[in-house]
C-alpha atoms as a PDB file:
ATOM      1  CA  MET A   1       4.761 -48.807  13.367  1.00  0.00           C
ATOM      2  CA  LYS A   2       8.436 -47.965  13.900  1.00  0.00           C
ATOM      3  CA  THR A   3       8.061 -44.721  11.939  1.00  0.00           C
ATOM      4  CA  GLN A   4       4.975 -43.758  13.965  1.00  0.00           C
ATOM      5  CA  SER A   5       6.812 -44.457  17.224  1.00  0.00           C
ATOM      6  CA  HIS A   6       9.777 -42.340  16.076  1.00  0.00           C
ATOM      7  CA  THR A   7       7.438 -39.467  15.134  1.00  0.00           C
ATOM      8  CA  ILE A   8       5.712 -39.564  18.520  1.00  0.00           C
ATOM      9  CA  LYS A   9       9.067 -39.632  20.295  1.00  0.00           C
ATOM     10  CA  GLN A  10      10.235 -36.596  18.333  1.00  0.00           C
ATOM     11  CA  GLY A  11       7.081 -34.643  19.139  1.00  0.00           C
ATOM     12  CA  LEU A  12       6.989 -35.660  22.803  1.00  0.00           C
ATOM     13  CA  GLY A  13      10.704 -35.979  23.651  1.00  0.00           C
ATOM     14  CA  SER A  14      10.792 -33.393  26.442  1.00  0.00           C
ATOM     15  CA  PHE A  15       7.435 -34.512  27.794  1.00  0.00           C
ATOM     16  CA  ILE A  16       8.578 -38.138  27.985  1.00  0.00           C
ATOM     17  CA  ILE A  17      11.649 -37.165  30.029  1.00  0.00           C
ATOM     18  CA  LEU A  18       9.499 -35.053  32.339  1.00  0.00           C
ATOM     19  CA  TRP A  19       6.832 -37.763  32.571  1.00  0.00           C
ATOM     20  CA  ILE A  20       9.212 -40.586  33.472  1.00  0.00           C
ATOM     21  CA  THR A  21      11.263 -38.679  36.037  1.00  0.00           C
ATOM     22  CA  GLN A  22       8.307 -36.973  37.709  1.00  0.00           C
ATOM     23  CA  SER A  23       6.520 -40.323  37.900  1.00  0.00           C
ATOM     24  CA  PHE A  24       9.593 -41.809  39.583  1.00  0.00           C
ATOM     25  CA  SER A  25       9.599 -38.965  42.076  1.00  0.00           C
ATOM     26  CA  SER A  26       5.873 -39.461  42.636  1.00  0.00           C
ATOM     27  CA  LEU A  27       6.584 -43.093  43.516  1.00  0.00           C
ATOM     28  CA  GLY A  28       8.994 -41.990  46.237  1.00  0.00           C
ATOM     29  CA  SER A  29       6.502 -39.477  47.647  1.00  0.00           C
ATOM     30  CA  SER A  30       3.657 -42.003  47.568  1.00  0.00           C
ATOM     31  CA  MET A  31       5.779 -44.585  49.362  1.00  0.00           C
ATOM     32  CA  THR A  32       6.544 -42.031  52.064  1.00  0.00           C
ATOM     33  CA  ASN A  33       2.862 -41.165  52.473  1.00  0.00           C
ATOM     34  CA  PHE A  34       1.900 -44.844  52.635  1.00  0.00           C
ATOM     35  CA  ALA A  35       4.588 -45.626  55.212  1.00  0.00           C
ATOM     36  CA  VAL A  36       3.717 -42.569  57.316  1.00  0.00           C
ATOM     37  CA  VAL A  37       0.033 -43.581  57.421  1.00  0.00           C
ATOM     38  CA  ILE A  38       1.008 -47.033  58.707  1.00  0.00           C
ATOM     39  CA  TRP A  39       3.441 -45.509  61.237  1.00  0.00           C
ATOM     40  CA  SER A  40       0.727 -43.122  62.420  1.00  0.00           C
ATOM     41  CA  TYR A  41      -1.901 -45.797  62.921  1.00  0.00           C
ATOM     42  CA  GLN A  42       0.510 -48.184  64.639  1.00  0.00           C
ATOM     43  CA  ASN A  43       1.621 -45.459  67.041  1.00  0.00           C
ATOM     44  CA  GLN A  44      -1.709 -43.671  67.584  1.00  0.00           C
ATOM     45  CA  GLY A  45      -4.352 -46.308  66.857  1.00  0.00           C
ATOM     46  CA  SER A  46      -6.796 -43.579  65.839  1.00  0.00           C
ATOM     47  CA  ALA A  47      -8.689 -43.302  62.560  1.00  0.00           C
ATOM     48  CA  LEU A  48      -9.147 -39.545  63.068  1.00  0.00           C
ATOM     49  CA  THR A  49      -5.438 -39.011  63.690  1.00  0.00           C
ATOM     50  CA  THR A  50      -4.574 -40.888  60.509  1.00  0.00           C
ATOM     51  CA  ALA A  51      -7.251 -39.171  58.423  1.00  0.00           C
ATOM     52  CA  LEU A  52      -5.964 -35.750  59.485  1.00  0.00           C
ATOM     53  CA  LEU A  53      -2.721 -36.465  57.620  1.00  0.00           C
ATOM     54  CA  THR A  54      -4.666 -36.497  54.356  1.00  0.00           C
ATOM     55  CA  ILE A  55      -6.753 -33.480  55.348  1.00  0.00           C
ATOM     56  CA  CYS A  56      -3.612 -31.455  56.074  1.00  0.00           C
ATOM     57  CA  SER A  57      -2.267 -32.319  52.612  1.00  0.00           C
ATOM     58  CA  TYR A  58      -5.361 -31.260  50.674  1.00  0.00           C
ATOM     59  CA  ALA A  59      -6.781 -28.396  52.759  1.00  0.00           C
ATOM     60  CA  PRO A  60      -4.308 -25.773  51.379  1.00  0.00           C
ATOM     61  CA  TYR A  61      -5.219 -26.733  47.811  1.00  0.00           C
ATOM     62  CA  VAL A  62      -8.935 -26.358  48.488  1.00  0.00           C
ATOM     63  CA  LEU A  63      -8.541 -23.006  50.239  1.00  0.00           C
ATOM     64  CA  LEU A  64      -5.844 -21.307  48.161  1.00  0.00           C
ATOM     65  CA  SER A  65      -5.757 -22.931  44.719  1.00  0.00           C
ATOM     66  CA  ILE A  66      -7.209 -20.017  42.733  1.00  0.00           C
ATOM     67  CA  PHE A  67      -4.758 -17.537  44.271  1.00  0.00           C
ATOM     68  CA  ALA A  68      -1.838 -19.951  44.033  1.00  0.00           C
ATOM     69  CA  GLY A  69      -2.622 -20.506  40.359  1.00  0.00           C
ATOM     70  CA  ALA A  70      -2.568 -16.759  39.748  1.00  0.00           C
ATOM     71  CA  LEU A  71       0.732 -16.540  41.627  1.00  0.00           C
ATOM     72  CA  SER A  72       2.185 -19.415  39.603  1.00  0.00           C
ATOM     73  CA  ASP A  73       1.269 -17.571  36.397  1.00  0.00           C
ATOM     74  CA  ARG A  74       3.686 -14.771  37.255  1.00  0.00           C
ATOM     75  CA  TRP A  75       6.766 -17.010  37.362  1.00  0.00           C
ATOM     76  CA  ASN A  76       8.589 -19.281  34.996  1.00  0.00           C
ATOM     77  CA  LYS A  77       6.910 -22.703  35.094  1.00  0.00           C
ATOM     78  CA  LYS A  78      10.176 -24.611  35.288  1.00  0.00           C
ATOM     79  CA  THR A  79      11.412 -22.446  38.158  1.00  0.00           C
ATOM     80  CA  VAL A  80       8.176 -22.987  40.085  1.00  0.00           C
ATOM     81  CA  MET A  81       8.450 -26.762  39.671  1.00  0.00           C
ATOM     82  CA  LEU A  82      12.110 -26.821  40.741  1.00  0.00           C
ATOM     83  CA  ILE A  83      11.519 -24.672  43.827  1.00  0.00           C
ATOM     84  CA  SER A  84       8.490 -26.725  44.815  1.00  0.00           C
ATOM     85  CA  ASP A  85      10.444 -29.957  44.458  1.00  0.00           C
ATOM     86  CA  CYS A  86      13.251 -28.564  46.625  1.00  0.00           C
ATOM     87  CA  PHE A  87      10.773 -27.508  49.297  1.00  0.00           C
ATOM     88  CA  ALA A  88       9.219 -30.988  49.307  1.00  0.00           C
ATOM     89  CA  ALA A  89      12.685 -32.498  49.671  1.00  0.00           C
ATOM     90  CA  LEU A  90      13.391 -30.235  52.670  1.00  0.00           C
ATOM     91  CA  CYS A  91      10.169 -31.461  54.282  1.00  0.00           C
ATOM     92  CA  THR A  92      11.263 -35.066  53.765  1.00  0.00           C
ATOM     93  CA  ILE A  93      14.707 -34.304  55.212  1.00  0.00           C
ATOM     94  CA  SER A  94      13.035 -32.719  58.249  1.00  0.00           C
ATOM     95  CA  ALA A  95      10.909 -35.821  58.799  1.00  0.00           C
ATOM     96  CA  LEU A  96      13.976 -38.035  58.370  1.00  0.00           C
ATOM     97  CA  ILE A  97      15.953 -36.093  60.980  1.00  0.00           C
ATOM     98  CA  LEU A  98      13.033 -36.196  63.420  1.00  0.00           C
ATOM     99  CA  PHE A  99      12.685 -39.955  62.942  1.00  0.00           C
ATOM    100  CA  ILE A 100      16.413 -40.709  63.294  1.00  0.00           C
ATOM    101  CA  THR A 101      16.658 -38.661  66.498  1.00  0.00           C
ATOM    102  CA  GLY A 102      13.524 -40.316  67.911  1.00  0.00           C
ATOM    103  CA  ASN A 103      11.641 -37.004  68.156  1.00  0.00           C
ATOM    104  CA  MET A 104       9.015 -37.498  65.447  1.00  0.00           C
ATOM    105  CA  GLN A 105       5.474 -36.786  66.673  1.00  0.00           C
ATOM    106  CA  ILE A 106       2.191 -36.862  64.802  1.00  0.00           C
ATOM    107  CA  TRP A 107       1.850 -33.074  64.977  1.00  0.00           C
ATOM    108  CA  HIS A 108       5.192 -32.746  63.201  1.00  0.00           C
ATOM    109  CA  LEU A 109       3.713 -34.708  60.302  1.00  0.00           C
ATOM    110  CA  TYR A 110       0.621 -32.489  60.277  1.00  0.00           C
ATOM    111  CA  ILE A 111       2.814 -29.416  59.815  1.00  0.00           C
ATOM    112  CA  ILE A 112       4.980 -31.108  57.162  1.00  0.00           C
ATOM    113  CA  ASN A 113       1.928 -32.313  55.211  1.00  0.00           C
ATOM    114  CA  THR A 114       0.363 -28.845  55.369  1.00  0.00           C
ATOM    115  CA  LEU A 115       3.536 -27.218  54.031  1.00  0.00           C
ATOM    116  CA  ASN A 116       3.795 -29.860  51.309  1.00  0.00           C
ATOM    117  CA  GLY A 117       0.166 -29.276  50.398  1.00  0.00           C
ATOM    118  CA  LEU A 118       0.778 -25.542  50.193  1.00  0.00           C
ATOM    119  CA  MET A 119       3.663 -25.978  47.749  1.00  0.00           C
ATOM    120  CA  ASN A 120       1.720 -28.548  45.715  1.00  0.00           C
ATOM    121  CA  THR A 121      -0.977 -25.906  45.326  1.00  0.00           C
ATOM    122  CA  VAL A 122       1.540 -23.748  43.471  1.00  0.00           C
ATOM    123  CA  GLN A 123       3.323 -26.575  41.676  1.00  0.00           C
ATOM    124  CA  GLN A 124       0.296 -28.389  40.269  1.00  0.00           C
ATOM    125  CA  PRO A 125      -0.973 -25.609  37.979  1.00  0.00           C
ATOM    126  CA  ALA A 126       2.583 -24.926  36.791  1.00  0.00           C
ATOM    127  CA  SER A 127       3.034 -28.616  36.005  1.00  0.00           C
ATOM    128  CA  ASP A 128      -0.292 -28.806  34.158  1.00  0.00           C
ATOM    129  CA  VAL A 129       0.583 -25.806  32.000  1.00  0.00           C
ATOM    130  CA  ALA A 130       4.076 -27.215  31.366  1.00  0.00           C
ATOM    131  CA  VAL A 131       2.588 -30.462  30.050  1.00  0.00           C
ATOM    132  CA  THR A 132       0.253 -28.515  27.767  1.00  0.00           C
ATOM    133  CA  LEU A 133       3.161 -26.447  26.426  1.00  0.00           C
ATOM    134  CA  LEU A 134       5.220 -29.579  25.751  1.00  0.00           C
ATOM    135  CA  THR A 135       2.405 -31.487  24.043  1.00  0.00           C
ATOM    136  CA  PRO A 136       1.187 -31.082  20.441  1.00  0.00           C
ATOM    137  CA  VAL A 137      -2.617 -30.817  20.299  1.00  0.00           C
ATOM    138  CA  LYS A 138      -2.949 -34.084  18.351  1.00  0.00           C
ATOM    139  CA  HIS A 139      -1.314 -35.975  21.251  1.00  0.00           C
ATOM    140  CA  TYR A 140      -3.507 -34.593  24.064  1.00  0.00           C
ATOM    141  CA  GLN A 141      -5.491 -37.807  24.610  1.00  0.00           C
ATOM    142  CA  LYS A 142      -2.376 -39.976  24.294  1.00  0.00           C
ATOM    143  CA  VAL A 143      -0.523 -37.858  26.858  1.00  0.00           C
ATOM    144  CA  SER A 144      -3.486 -37.968  29.233  1.00  0.00           C
ATOM    145  CA  GLY A 145      -3.516 -41.731  28.918  1.00  0.00           C
ATOM    146  CA  MET A 146       0.230 -41.900  29.599  1.00  0.00           C
ATOM    147  CA  GLN A 147      -0.144 -39.763  32.711  1.00  0.00           C
ATOM    148  CA  SER A 148      -3.005 -41.917  33.920  1.00  0.00           C
ATOM    149  CA  PHE A 149      -0.917 -45.035  33.278  1.00  0.00           C
ATOM    150  CA  SER A 150       2.018 -43.713  35.319  1.00  0.00           C
ATOM    151  CA  ARG A 151      -0.280 -42.751  38.207  1.00  0.00           C
ATOM    152  CA  SER A 152      -1.763 -46.241  38.095  1.00  0.00           C
ATOM    153  CA  LEU A 153       1.672 -47.854  38.058  1.00  0.00           C
ATOM    154  CA  VAL A 154       2.678 -45.772  41.069  1.00  0.00           C
ATOM    155  CA  THR A 155      -0.457 -46.970  42.862  1.00  0.00           C
ATOM    156  CA  VAL A 156       0.512 -50.594  42.154  1.00  0.00           C
ATOM    157  CA  LEU A 157       4.148 -50.247  43.162  1.00  0.00           C
ATOM    158  CA  THR A 158       3.680 -48.032  46.228  1.00  0.00           C
ATOM    159  CA  PRO A 159       2.329 -50.630  48.709  1.00  0.00           C
ATOM    160  CA  VAL A 160       4.628 -53.354  47.392  1.00  0.00           C
ATOM    161  CA  CYS A 161       7.813 -51.290  47.602  1.00  0.00           C
ATOM    162  CA  ALA A 162       6.885 -49.457  50.812  1.00  0.00           C
ATOM    163  CA  THR A 163       5.861 -52.644  52.618  1.00  0.00           C
ATOM    164  CA  ALA A 164       9.038 -54.391  51.481  1.00  0.00           C
ATOM    165  CA  LEU A 165      11.237 -51.555  52.740  1.00  0.00           C
ATOM    166  CA  LEU A 166       9.343 -51.376  56.036  1.00  0.00           C
ATOM    167  CA  SER A 167       9.586 -55.140  56.497  1.00  0.00           C
ATOM    168  CA  PHE A 168      13.301 -55.476  55.806  1.00  0.00           C
ATOM    169  CA  THR A 169      14.529 -52.037  56.918  1.00  0.00           C
ATOM    170  CA  SER A 170      12.667 -49.147  58.548  1.00  0.00           C
ATOM    171  CA  LEU A 171      10.840 -45.888  57.833  1.00  0.00           C
ATOM    172  CA  GLU A 172      14.223 -44.201  57.559  1.00  0.00           C
ATOM    173  CA  PHE A 173      14.998 -46.008  54.283  1.00  0.00           C
ATOM    174  CA  VAL A 174      11.632 -45.021  52.802  1.00  0.00           C
ATOM    175  CA  PHE A 175      12.552 -41.378  53.408  1.00  0.00           C
ATOM    176  CA  LEU A 176      15.966 -41.952  51.806  1.00  0.00           C
ATOM    177  CA  PHE A 177      14.414 -43.549  48.726  1.00  0.00           C
ATOM    178  CA  ASP A 178      12.079 -40.557  48.432  1.00  0.00           C
ATOM    179  CA  LEU A 179      15.091 -38.225  48.422  1.00  0.00           C
ATOM    180  CA  PHE A 180      16.809 -40.365  45.778  1.00  0.00           C
ATOM    181  CA  THR A 181      13.786 -40.133  43.450  1.00  0.00           C
ATOM    182  CA  PHE A 182      13.623 -36.378  44.045  1.00  0.00           C
ATOM    183  CA  THR A 183      17.263 -35.991  42.999  1.00  0.00           C
ATOM    184  CA  ALA A 184      16.681 -37.889  39.759  1.00  0.00           C
ATOM    185  CA  ALA A 185      13.626 -35.800  38.881  1.00  0.00           C
ATOM    186  CA  PHE A 186      15.282 -32.493  39.840  1.00  0.00           C
ATOM    187  CA  VAL A 187      18.424 -33.093  37.750  1.00  0.00           C
ATOM    188  CA  SER A 188      16.397 -34.221  34.723  1.00  0.00           C
ATOM    189  CA  LEU A 189      14.085 -31.215  34.863  1.00  0.00           C
ATOM    190  CA  LEU A 190      16.964 -28.777  35.398  1.00  0.00           C
ATOM    191  CA  PHE A 191      19.230 -29.961  32.586  1.00  0.00           C
ATOM    192  CA  PHE A 192      17.172 -31.955  30.068  1.00  0.00           C
ATOM    193  CA  VAL A 193      13.700 -30.377  29.854  1.00  0.00           C
ATOM    194  CA  LYS A 194      13.103 -27.034  28.163  1.00  0.00           C
ATOM    195  CA  ILE A 195       9.613 -25.659  28.765  1.00  0.00           C
ATOM    196  CA  PRO A 196       8.425 -23.022  26.240  1.00  0.00           C
ATOM    197  CA  LYS A 197       7.270 -19.677  27.592  1.00  0.00           C
ATOM    198  CA  ILE A 198       3.681 -18.480  27.314  1.00  0.00           C
ATOM    199  CA  GLN A 199       3.297 -15.564  24.915  1.00  0.00           C
ATOM    200  CA  LYS A 200       1.006 -13.666  27.301  1.00  0.00           C
ATOM    201  CA  GLU A 201       3.494 -13.636  30.182  1.00  0.00           C
ATOM    202  CA  ALA A 202       4.001  -9.862  29.877  1.00  0.00           C
ATOM    203  CA  LYS A 203       0.309  -9.189  30.395  1.00  0.00           C
ATOM    204  CA  VAL A 204       0.185 -11.582  33.358  1.00  0.00           C
ATOM    205  CA  LYS A 205       3.060  -9.814  35.105  1.00  0.00           C
ATOM    206  CA  THR A 206       1.237  -6.476  34.966  1.00  0.00           C
ATOM    207  CA  GLU A 207      -1.776  -7.893  36.795  1.00  0.00           C
ATOM    208  CA  THR A 208      -2.042  -8.150  40.550  1.00  0.00           C
ATOM    209  CA  ILE A 209      -2.834 -11.533  42.053  1.00  0.00           C
ATOM    210  CA  LEU A 210      -6.349 -10.385  42.935  1.00  0.00           C
ATOM    211  CA  GLN A 211      -6.921  -9.114  39.373  1.00  0.00           C
ATOM    212  CA  ALA A 212      -5.721 -12.415  37.924  1.00  0.00           C
ATOM    213  CA  ALA A 213      -8.008 -14.375  40.254  1.00  0.00           C
ATOM    214  CA  LYS A 214     -10.909 -12.057  39.389  1.00  0.00           C
ATOM    215  CA  ASN A 215     -10.262 -12.547  35.658  1.00  0.00           C
ATOM    216  CA  GLY A 216     -10.252 -16.283  36.168  1.00  0.00           C
ATOM    217  CA  LEU A 217     -13.593 -16.190  37.969  1.00  0.00           C
ATOM    218  CA  GLN A 218     -15.018 -13.934  35.265  1.00  0.00           C
ATOM    219  CA  TYR A 219     -13.907 -16.440  32.615  1.00  0.00           C
ATOM    220  CA  LEU A 220     -15.750 -19.190  34.478  1.00  0.00           C
ATOM    221  CA  ARG A 221     -18.899 -17.081  34.751  1.00  0.00           C
ATOM    222  CA  ASP A 222     -18.761 -16.476  30.999  1.00  0.00           C
ATOM    223  CA  ASN A 223     -18.273 -20.203  30.308  1.00  0.00           C
ATOM    224  CA  ARG A 224     -20.963 -21.863  32.409  1.00  0.00           C
ATOM    225  CA  GLY A 225     -20.411 -25.323  30.928  1.00  0.00           C
ATOM    226  CA  ILE A 226     -16.842 -25.439  32.247  1.00  0.00           C
ATOM    227  CA  LEU A 227     -17.891 -23.888  35.570  1.00  0.00           C
ATOM    228  CA  ASP A 228     -20.693 -26.421  36.092  1.00  0.00           C
ATOM    229  CA  LEU A 229     -18.339 -29.306  35.321  1.00  0.00           C
ATOM    230  CA  ILE A 230     -15.693 -27.985  37.739  1.00  0.00           C
ATOM    231  CA  LEU A 231     -18.283 -27.539  40.514  1.00  0.00           C
ATOM    232  CA  PHE A 232     -19.687 -31.005  39.879  1.00  0.00           C
ATOM    233  CA  LEU A 233     -16.211 -32.564  40.053  1.00  0.00           C
ATOM    234  CA  ALA A 234     -15.423 -30.536  43.174  1.00  0.00           C
ATOM    235  CA  VAL A 235     -18.423 -31.991  45.005  1.00  0.00           C
ATOM    236  CA  ILE A 236     -17.512 -35.516  43.886  1.00  0.00           C
ATOM    237  CA  ASN A 237     -13.856 -35.080  44.905  1.00  0.00           C
ATOM    238  CA  PHE A 238     -14.876 -33.664  48.288  1.00  0.00           C
ATOM    239  CA  THR A 239     -17.070 -36.688  48.982  1.00  0.00           C
ATOM    240  CA  ALA A 240     -14.422 -39.114  47.747  1.00  0.00           C
ATOM    241  CA  SER A 241     -11.699 -37.404  49.801  1.00  0.00           C
ATOM    242  CA  ILE A 242     -13.652 -37.921  53.024  1.00  0.00           C
ATOM    243  CA  PHE A 243     -13.955 -41.612  52.263  1.00  0.00           C
ATOM    244  CA  ASN A 244     -10.351 -42.023  51.108  1.00  0.00           C
ATOM    245  CA  ALA A 245      -9.027 -40.276  54.214  1.00  0.00           C
ATOM    246  CA  ALA A 246     -10.799 -42.766  56.488  1.00  0.00           C
ATOM    247  CA  LEU A 247     -10.225 -45.866  54.332  1.00  0.00           C
ATOM    248  CA  PRO A 248      -6.706 -46.854  55.532  1.00  0.00           C
ATOM    249  CA  ALA A 249      -7.663 -46.678  59.204  1.00  0.00           C
ATOM    250  CA  MET A 250     -10.928 -48.520  58.531  1.00  0.00           C
ATOM    251  CA  MET A 251      -9.141 -51.384  56.788  1.00  0.00           C
ATOM    252  CA  LEU A 252      -6.378 -51.588  59.373  1.00  0.00           C
ATOM    253  CA  SER A 253      -8.849 -51.723  62.266  1.00  0.00           C
ATOM    254  CA  ARG A 254     -11.530 -54.088  60.958  1.00  0.00           C
ATOM    255  CA  ASP A 255     -11.577 -57.860  61.384  1.00  0.00           C
ATOM    256  CA  GLY A 256      -9.774 -59.301  58.398  1.00  0.00           C
ATOM    257  CA  GLY A 257      -7.949 -56.045  57.798  1.00  0.00           C
ATOM    258  CA  SER A 258      -4.194 -55.664  58.103  1.00  0.00           C
ATOM    259  CA  ARG A 259      -1.194 -53.850  56.692  1.00  0.00           C
ATOM    260  CA  PHE A 260      -0.938 -56.659  54.123  1.00  0.00           C
ATOM    261  CA  GLY A 261      -4.624 -56.328  53.239  1.00  0.00           C
ATOM    262  CA  LEU A 262      -4.316 -52.575  52.772  1.00  0.00           C
ATOM    263  CA  GLY A 263      -1.346 -53.135  50.491  1.00  0.00           C
ATOM    264  CA  VAL A 264      -3.240 -55.748  48.447  1.00  0.00           C
ATOM    265  CA  VAL A 265      -6.247 -53.470  47.951  1.00  0.00           C
ATOM    266  CA  ASN A 266      -3.984 -50.575  46.900  1.00  0.00           C
ATOM    267  CA  THR A 267      -2.185 -52.871  44.468  1.00  0.00           C
ATOM    268  CA  VAL A 268      -5.451 -54.129  42.955  1.00  0.00           C
ATOM    269  CA  THR A 269      -6.582 -50.514  42.647  1.00  0.00           C
ATOM    270  CA  GLY A 270      -3.436 -49.748  40.687  1.00  0.00           C
ATOM    271  CA  ILE A 271      -3.907 -52.765  38.407  1.00  0.00           C
ATOM    272  CA  ALA A 272      -7.490 -51.688  37.670  1.00  0.00           C
ATOM    273  CA  THR A 273      -6.379 -48.165  36.788  1.00  0.00           C
ATOM    274  CA  ILE A 274      -3.574 -49.527  34.590  1.00  0.00           C
ATOM    275  CA  CYS A 275      -6.176 -51.486  32.628  1.00  0.00           C
ATOM    276  CA  GLY A 276      -8.292 -48.346  32.359  1.00  0.00           C
ATOM    277  CA  SER A 277      -5.278 -46.321  31.231  1.00  0.00           C
ATOM    278  CA  LEU A 278      -4.459 -48.818  28.491  1.00  0.00           C
ATOM    279  CA  LEU A 279      -8.104 -48.767  27.448  1.00  0.00           C
ATOM    280  CA  VAL A 280      -8.232 -44.982  27.065  1.00  0.00           C
ATOM    281  CA  THR A 281      -5.060 -44.880  24.947  1.00  0.00           C
ATOM    282  CA  VAL A 282      -6.671 -47.060  22.254  1.00  0.00           C
ATOM    283  CA  LEU A 283     -10.207 -45.663  22.406  1.00  0.00           C
ATOM    284  CA  PRO A 284     -11.222 -43.182  19.687  1.00  0.00           C
ATOM    285  CA  PRO A 285     -12.277 -39.670  20.753  1.00  0.00           C
ATOM    286  CA  PRO A 286     -15.876 -39.801  22.050  1.00  0.00           C
ATOM    287  CA  LYS A 287     -18.693 -37.674  20.665  1.00  0.00           C
ATOM    288  CA  SER A 288     -19.335 -36.179  24.111  1.00  0.00           C
ATOM    289  CA  ARG A 289     -16.481 -36.067  26.620  1.00  0.00           C
ATOM    290  CA  THR A 290     -18.799 -34.636  29.285  1.00  0.00           C
ATOM    291  CA  ARG A 291     -21.090 -37.654  29.011  1.00  0.00           C
ATOM    292  CA  VAL A 292     -18.134 -40.029  29.338  1.00  0.00           C
ATOM    293  CA  ILE A 293     -16.937 -38.152  32.457  1.00  0.00           C
ATOM    294  CA  CYS A 294     -20.337 -38.299  34.154  1.00  0.00           C
ATOM    295  CA  ASN A 295     -21.029 -41.941  33.264  1.00  0.00           C
ATOM    296  CA  SER A 296     -17.579 -43.042  34.472  1.00  0.00           C
ATOM    297  CA  LEU A 297     -18.083 -41.265  37.804  1.00  0.00           C
ATOM    298  CA  LEU A 298     -21.603 -42.652  38.204  1.00  0.00           C
ATOM    299  CA  PHE A 299     -20.393 -46.220  37.754  1.00  0.00           C
ATOM    300  CA  SER A 300     -17.382 -45.805  40.047  1.00  0.00           C
ATOM    301  CA  MET A 301     -19.150 -44.000  42.880  1.00  0.00           C
ATOM    302  CA  SER A 302     -22.129 -46.368  42.877  1.00  0.00           C
ATOM    303  CA  THR A 303     -19.985 -49.488  43.212  1.00  0.00           C
ATOM    304  CA  GLU A 304     -16.695 -48.943  45.043  1.00  0.00           C
ATOM    305  CA  ASN A 305     -17.823 -46.924  48.051  1.00  0.00           C
ATOM    306  CA  PHE A 306     -20.760 -49.240  48.773  1.00  0.00           C
ATOM    307  CA  ILE A 307     -18.651 -52.412  48.570  1.00  0.00           C
ATOM    308  CA  LEU A 308     -15.711 -51.027  50.560  1.00  0.00           C
ATOM    309  CA  ALA A 309     -17.968 -49.630  53.276  1.00  0.00           C
ATOM    310  CA  PHE A 310     -19.908 -52.843  53.872  1.00  0.00           C
ATOM    311  CA  GLY A 311     -17.212 -55.373  52.994  1.00  0.00           C
ATOM    312  CA  ARG A 312     -15.531 -57.375  55.739  1.00  0.00           C
ATOM    313  CA  SER A 313     -12.715 -59.168  53.926  1.00  0.00           C
ATOM    314  CA  THR A 314      -9.812 -58.349  51.620  1.00  0.00           C
ATOM    315  CA  PRO A 315     -11.240 -60.197  48.551  1.00  0.00           C
ATOM    316  CA  VAL A 316     -14.488 -58.197  48.761  1.00  0.00           C
ATOM    317  CA  TRP A 317     -12.564 -54.950  49.142  1.00  0.00           C
ATOM    318  CA  CYS A 318     -10.517 -55.894  46.071  1.00  0.00           C
ATOM    319  CA  ILE A 319     -13.691 -56.347  44.019  1.00  0.00           C
ATOM    320  CA  GLY A 320     -14.842 -52.899  45.107  1.00  0.00           C
ATOM    321  CA  ALA A 321     -11.467 -51.427  44.141  1.00  0.00           C
ATOM    322  CA  VAL A 322     -11.631 -52.933  40.633  1.00  0.00           C
ATOM    323  CA  LEU A 323     -15.177 -51.716  39.971  1.00  0.00           C
ATOM    324  CA  GLY A 324     -14.472 -48.296  41.420  1.00  0.00           C
ATOM    325  CA  TRP A 325     -11.219 -47.521  39.645  1.00  0.00           C
ATOM    326  CA  LEU A 326     -11.432 -49.251  36.263  1.00  0.00           C
ATOM    327  CA  PHE A 327     -13.052 -46.283  34.511  1.00  0.00           C
ATOM    328  CA  ILE A 328     -11.416 -43.466  36.472  1.00  0.00           C
ATOM    329  CA  PRO A 329      -8.541 -43.171  33.925  1.00  0.00           C
ATOM    330  CA  VAL A 330     -11.142 -42.863  31.166  1.00  0.00           C
ATOM    331  CA  MET A 331     -12.777 -40.032  33.113  1.00  0.00           C
ATOM    332  CA  ASN A 332      -9.461 -38.312  33.872  1.00  0.00           C
ATOM    333  CA  ALA A 333      -8.187 -38.489  30.298  1.00  0.00           C
ATOM    334  CA  ASN A 334     -11.372 -37.010  28.833  1.00  0.00           C
ATOM    335  CA  MET A 335     -11.424 -34.316  31.506  1.00  0.00           C
ATOM    336  CA  ASP A 336      -7.789 -33.372  30.800  1.00  0.00           C
ATOM    337  CA  VAL A 337      -8.381 -33.179  27.051  1.00  0.00           C
ATOM    338  CA  LEU A 338     -11.569 -31.168  27.539  1.00  0.00           C
ATOM    339  CA  PHE A 339      -9.814 -28.602  29.727  1.00  0.00           C
ATOM    340  CA  ARG A 340      -6.749 -28.382  27.482  1.00  0.00           C
ATOM    341  CA  GLU A 341      -8.940 -27.818  24.409  1.00  0.00           C
ATOM    342  CA  LYS A 342     -11.410 -25.363  25.945  1.00  0.00           C
ATOM    343  CA  ILE A 343      -9.408 -23.341  28.474  1.00  0.00           C
ATOM    344  CA  PRO A 344      -6.770 -20.839  27.230  1.00  0.00           C
ATOM    345  CA  LEU A 345      -3.241 -21.356  28.561  1.00  0.00           C
ATOM    346  CA  ASP A 346      -3.381 -18.220  30.691  1.00  0.00           C
ATOM    347  CA  MET A 347      -6.494 -19.623  32.402  1.00  0.00           C
ATOM    348  CA  CYS A 348      -5.319 -23.242  32.744  1.00  0.00           C
ATOM    349  CA  ASN A 349      -4.640 -22.942  36.459  1.00  0.00           C
ATOM    350  CA  LEU A 350      -8.366 -23.064  37.110  1.00  0.00           C
ATOM    351  CA  SER A 351      -8.579 -26.696  36.107  1.00  0.00           C
END
């Protein structure tokens, strides 16, 4: 067991550094988002106003992802990630200054979230390709499970840490913690992680952005199985995003709902996904990853949304969260492995 652990560490050394530090930074960003949602609802009292924060974050990705992926292909992946992280930090600093001076308005947050979403559109494909470059093929499922585990852990810790900071300090300290986690991730990526270059970079640089996007679409047309799966997941994610955008305001406004209740449901969601992440790391490779993806989504969508929509108390919402999120890590891990195995590196931005 010790020898196996040492071998895995040797093969995944750079990835582990990147994984831990980026997960830490993700915790800081998630805490900021959680605290801002609560601040927005307490100051505005509007579900629409709160939901627009999420919409502003994801709209740039939906509208520009294929072009941003082509743009990301033309630059060094590490450089893209570093610049994107710096831009996100500047957005947090702007929000901090606005809050300290007493000038922060909801429309400021809309602009900041939109800019953050725009940079995430460029950073996400670069990060996905970087993970693929740092990971031996035999560790794809293990790495996907590790990433799912860290996302789950962030989900658990976010409401606990954010609520604690808000209770004993103020929103200002949540922003400061976010900047601290950014610094740790930035320094680690800059000095301790070396991301290999893609061999086809020369060809990519000779293409225009429109040509790269057109080539990506042509690849999808030639591989209908991947295209159909992406379209199916896009419809599911669109539906889920509408619900998730309205969920915090719904829980905060209903009888039996509160900031504490929202935090409890988020924590239970994280615990469920941790269990799912641990499950996927020990499961053997399935015969059909597509079937696992579809069955996991069918179970989650048919339980969580129904229970959360019609529930009226925190315990019921917690049950919905467990049923809805337990198998999501299984779905995500199989989807990641499927895309990494089937899509060439120079086309990975499409996933």
